[in-house]
Amino acid sequence: MILARIVGTVVSTRKDARLEGKKLLIVKPVSPEGADESGYLIAVDTVDAGFRETVLVVTGSSARNAAECKDRPVDAAIIGIVDEVMLDVLHTAELAAARKK
C-alpha cells in the first residue's frame, strides 16, 4: 500500500468503456510524517475521497481486485481515506536524530 495525498483530478472524455463513471484522481505519495515523496500516480477512486485528503492506494493486482475495479484496466486504486498516522515512538526518535546529522 502507498500513503498518498490527492492533488488533482483527471478528466477524460474518451476512455475504455469499463472506466465510464469512474473518478480518476492524481495522488502524490507522502511519508508517514506527511512530507511529499517523488512521483505521482493516477488512481481510480473507490471511496469517494476529496481534494487534499490523505489516502491509501494499492497498485497492480491488488488494484484490479478492489471492489469497483474488478475486470477493469486499472493499475492503481484508492481503497481508503486515512484519519490518522501514528508512528512508533522509537522510530520517531530515530528519524529526528537522522535529520540532525
Protein backbone atom coordinates (compact mmCIF):
# COMPACT_ATOMS: atom_id res chain seq x y z
CA MET A 1 0.00 0.00 0.00
CA ILE A 2 1.06 3.55 -0.66
CA LEU A 3 0.28 6.50 1.58
CA ALA A 4 -0.62 9.46 -0.65
CA ARG A 5 -2.39 12.83 -0.82
CA ILE A 6 -4.91 13.77 -3.50
CA VAL A 7 -3.58 16.70 -5.52
CA GLY A 8 -5.77 16.77 -8.63
CA THR A 9 -8.31 15.24 -10.96
CA VAL A 10 -8.06 13.76 -14.46
CA VAL A 11 -10.92 14.39 -16.87
CA SER A 12 -11.09 12.05 -19.85
CA THR A 13 -13.99 12.20 -22.28
CA ARG A 14 -12.70 9.23 -24.30
CA LYS A 15 -11.59 6.16 -22.40
CA ASP A 16 -12.11 2.42 -22.13
CA ALA A 17 -15.82 1.77 -21.67
CA ARG A 18 -15.10 -0.16 -18.47
CA LEU A 19 -13.86 3.08 -16.88
CA GLU A 20 -17.02 5.07 -17.64
CA GLY A 21 -18.31 6.73 -14.47
CA LYS A 22 -15.08 6.16 -12.54
CA LYS A 23 -13.39 9.16 -10.90
CA LEU A 24 -9.67 9.39 -11.73
CA LEU A 25 -7.54 11.28 -9.21
CA ILE A 26 -3.90 12.39 -9.19
CA VAL A 27 -2.18 11.31 -5.99
CA LYS A 28 1.23 12.30 -4.62
CA PRO A 29 2.98 9.73 -2.41
CA VAL A 30 3.79 11.06 1.07
CA SER A 31 5.88 9.87 4.01
CA PRO A 32 4.17 8.87 7.29
CA GLU A 33 5.05 12.36 8.53
CA GLY A 34 3.19 13.90 5.58
CA ALA A 35 6.22 15.07 3.57
CA ASP A 36 5.93 14.79 -0.21
CA GLU A 37 7.81 11.97 -1.90
CA SER A 38 8.75 11.80 -5.56
CA GLY A 39 6.34 10.98 -8.35
CA TYR A 40 2.62 10.95 -8.99
CA LEU A 41 0.02 8.27 -9.70
CA ILE A 42 -3.36 8.33 -11.38
CA ALA A 43 -5.74 6.19 -9.32
CA VAL A 44 -9.38 5.15 -9.57
CA ASP A 45 -11.32 6.43 -6.55
CA THR A 46 -13.35 3.67 -4.88
CA VAL A 47 -14.08 5.52 -1.60
CA ASP A 48 -15.27 8.99 -2.72
CA ALA A 49 -12.10 10.73 -1.49
CA GLY A 50 -11.71 14.51 -1.69
CA PHE A 51 -9.02 17.02 -2.62
CA ARG A 52 -6.02 17.15 -0.22
CA GLU A 53 -7.18 14.10 1.75
CA THR A 54 -4.59 11.50 2.71
CA VAL A 55 -5.47 8.13 1.23
CA LEU A 56 -4.30 4.53 0.88
CA VAL A 57 -3.50 3.44 -2.67
CA VAL A 58 -2.90 -0.07 -3.95
CA THR A 59 -1.34 -0.96 -7.29
CA GLY A 60 -1.12 -3.92 -9.63
CA SER A 61 -3.27 -6.99 -8.97
CA SER A 62 -4.44 -5.54 -5.65
CA ALA A 63 -5.93 -2.56 -7.52
CA ARG A 64 -7.66 -4.86 -10.01
CA ASN A 65 -9.22 -6.73 -7.08
CA ALA A 66 -10.63 -3.60 -5.41
CA ALA A 67 -14.42 -3.62 -5.12
CA GLU A 68 -15.23 -1.30 -8.02
CA CYS A 69 -12.29 -2.29 -10.25
CA LYS A 70 -12.90 -5.98 -10.93
CA ASP A 71 -12.26 -6.79 -14.61
CA ARG A 72 -11.29 -3.19 -15.42
CA PRO A 73 -7.99 -1.88 -16.82
CA VAL A 74 -6.79 -0.40 -13.51
CA ASP A 75 -3.24 -0.26 -12.13
CA ALA A 76 -3.85 1.98 -9.09
CA ALA A 77 -6.91 2.31 -6.85
CA ILE A 78 -7.71 4.42 -3.80
CA ILE A 79 -9.08 2.00 -1.22
CA GLY A 80 -9.12 4.05 2.00
CA ILE A 81 -9.20 7.53 3.48
CA VAL A 82 -6.65 7.98 6.27
CA ASP A 83 -7.84 9.57 9.51
CA GLU A 84 -4.52 9.47 11.36
CA VAL A 85 -1.00 8.09 11.03
CA MET A 86 0.85 7.11 14.21
CA LEU A 87 4.49 6.03 14.25
CA ASP A 88 6.24 4.02 16.94
CA VAL A 89 7.92 6.41 19.44
CA LEU A 90 11.31 4.76 18.90
CA HIS A 91 11.05 5.17 15.12
CA THR A 92 10.09 8.84 15.52
CA ALA A 93 13.19 9.43 17.71
CA GLU A 94 15.41 7.72 15.12
CA LEU A 95 14.02 9.95 12.37
CA ALA A 96 14.63 13.07 14.44
CA ALA A 97 18.24 12.02 15.14
CA ALA A 98 18.85 11.31 11.45
CA ARG A 99 17.60 14.78 10.48
CA LYS A 100 20.06 16.45 12.88
CA LYS A 101 23.06 14.82 11.14
